């Protein structure tokens, strides 16, 4: 994927989360490590998003609708990429 190749490695998982799983930017920004299950059944839970307040500060909050709260299966290659990212961030 040309777009993913054009960004630094640190940001590539964002591109793949958007294209493979269909996550919105606010959902990706709101994703926390605790919402990832990378062992066994690989999945992530969308329970928070990030928006900006009137002063443009980031604000964590629930998704806009109940349907936006969901659990998604993660394909193995994406799970490996996310695992490597989590390990490198420690």
Protein backbone atom coordinates (compact mmCIF):
# COMPACT_ATOMS: atom_id res chain seq x y z
CA UNK A 1 0.00 0.00 0.00
CA UNK A 2 1.67 3.19 -1.19
CA UNK A 3 0.23 5.46 1.48
CA UNK A 4 1.44 3.22 4.32
CA UNK A 5 4.88 3.02 2.72
CA UNK A 6 5.04 6.82 2.53
CA UNK A 7 4.65 7.41 6.29
CA UNK A 8 7.09 6.64 9.11
CA UNK A 9 6.79 3.14 10.63
CA UNK A 10 5.29 4.58 13.80
CA UNK A 11 2.18 5.74 11.90
CA UNK A 12 1.67 2.77 9.58
CA UNK A 13 -0.67 0.92 11.96
CA UNK A 14 -3.04 3.90 11.78
CA UNK A 15 -3.29 3.55 8.02
CA UNK A 16 -4.00 -0.17 8.28
CA UNK A 17 -6.54 0.24 11.11
CA UNK A 18 -8.43 2.70 8.92
CA UNK A 19 -8.26 0.70 5.69
CA UNK A 20 -8.59 -2.87 6.96
CA UNK A 21 -10.94 -2.39 9.91
CA UNK A 22 -12.65 0.81 8.77
CA UNK A 23 -11.86 2.77 11.93
CA UNK A 24 -12.35 6.53 11.89
CA UNK A 25 -9.49 8.80 12.95
CA UNK A 26 -11.25 9.67 16.23
CA UNK A 27 -11.59 5.92 16.99
CA UNK A 28 -7.94 5.25 16.21
CA UNK A 29 -6.86 8.19 18.35
CA UNK A 30 -9.06 6.93 21.18
CA UNK A 31 -7.74 3.37 21.03
CA UNK A 32 -5.88 2.28 24.14
CA UNK A 33 -3.56 -0.69 24.61
CA UNK A 34 -6.00 -2.18 27.13
CA UNK A 35 -8.63 -2.45 24.38
CA UNK A 36 -6.37 -4.72 22.27
CA UNK A 37 -6.35 -8.48 22.54
CA UNK A 38 -3.28 -9.63 20.61
CA UNK A 39 -2.92 -13.14 22.07
CA UNK A 40 -5.31 -15.95 21.18
CA UNK A 41 -8.40 -14.45 19.55
CA UNK A 42 -7.05 -11.20 18.14
CA UNK A 43 -9.49 -8.33 18.51
CA UNK A 44 -9.93 -4.74 19.52
CA UNK A 45 -12.76 -2.96 21.27
CA UNK A 46 -13.94 0.46 20.14
CA UNK A 47 -15.23 2.12 23.33
CA UNK A 48 -13.72 5.59 23.22
CA UNK A 49 -13.06 8.30 20.70
CA UNK A 50 -11.10 11.53 20.83
CA UNK A 51 -12.61 14.86 19.88
CA UNK A 52 -11.54 18.42 20.61
CA UNK A 53 -13.20 20.87 22.96
CA UNK A 54 -13.78 24.57 22.27
CA UNK A 55 -10.13 25.30 23.12
CA UNK A 56 -8.97 22.52 20.76
CA UNK A 57 -7.82 20.29 23.65
CA UNK A 58 -8.28 16.54 23.08
CA UNK A 59 -11.21 15.04 24.96
CA UNK A 60 -11.82 11.29 25.41
CA UNK A 61 -15.43 10.19 25.35
CA UNK A 62 -17.79 7.47 24.19
CA UNK A 63 -18.59 6.99 20.51
CA UNK A 64 -21.54 8.98 19.16
CA UNK A 65 -23.86 5.97 18.96
CA UNK A 66 -24.32 2.58 20.57
CA UNK A 67 -23.67 0.95 17.18
CA UNK A 68 -20.23 2.58 17.11
CA UNK A 69 -19.21 0.57 20.19
CA UNK A 70 -18.01 -2.70 18.75
CA UNK A 71 -15.47 -5.50 18.91
CA UNK A 72 -13.53 -6.20 15.72
CA UNK A 73 -11.35 -9.16 14.79
CA UNK A 74 -7.80 -8.26 13.83
CA UNK A 75 -6.08 -10.14 10.97
CA UNK A 76 -2.79 -11.79 11.94
CA UNK A 77 -0.48 -9.41 9.98
CA UNK A 78 -2.12 -6.37 11.58
CA UNK A 79 -1.95 -8.01 15.02
CA UNK A 80 1.79 -8.56 14.51
CA UNK A 81 2.24 -4.91 13.50
CA UNK A 82 0.32 -3.71 16.57
CA UNK A 83 2.28 -6.07 18.85
CA UNK A 84 5.57 -4.70 17.51
CA UNK A 85 4.32 -1.14 18.02
CA UNK A 86 3.30 -1.86 21.63
CA UNK A 87 6.64 -3.52 22.38
CA UNK A 88 8.57 -0.59 20.87
CA UNK A 89 6.60 1.98 22.86
CA UNK A 90 7.59 0.47 26.22
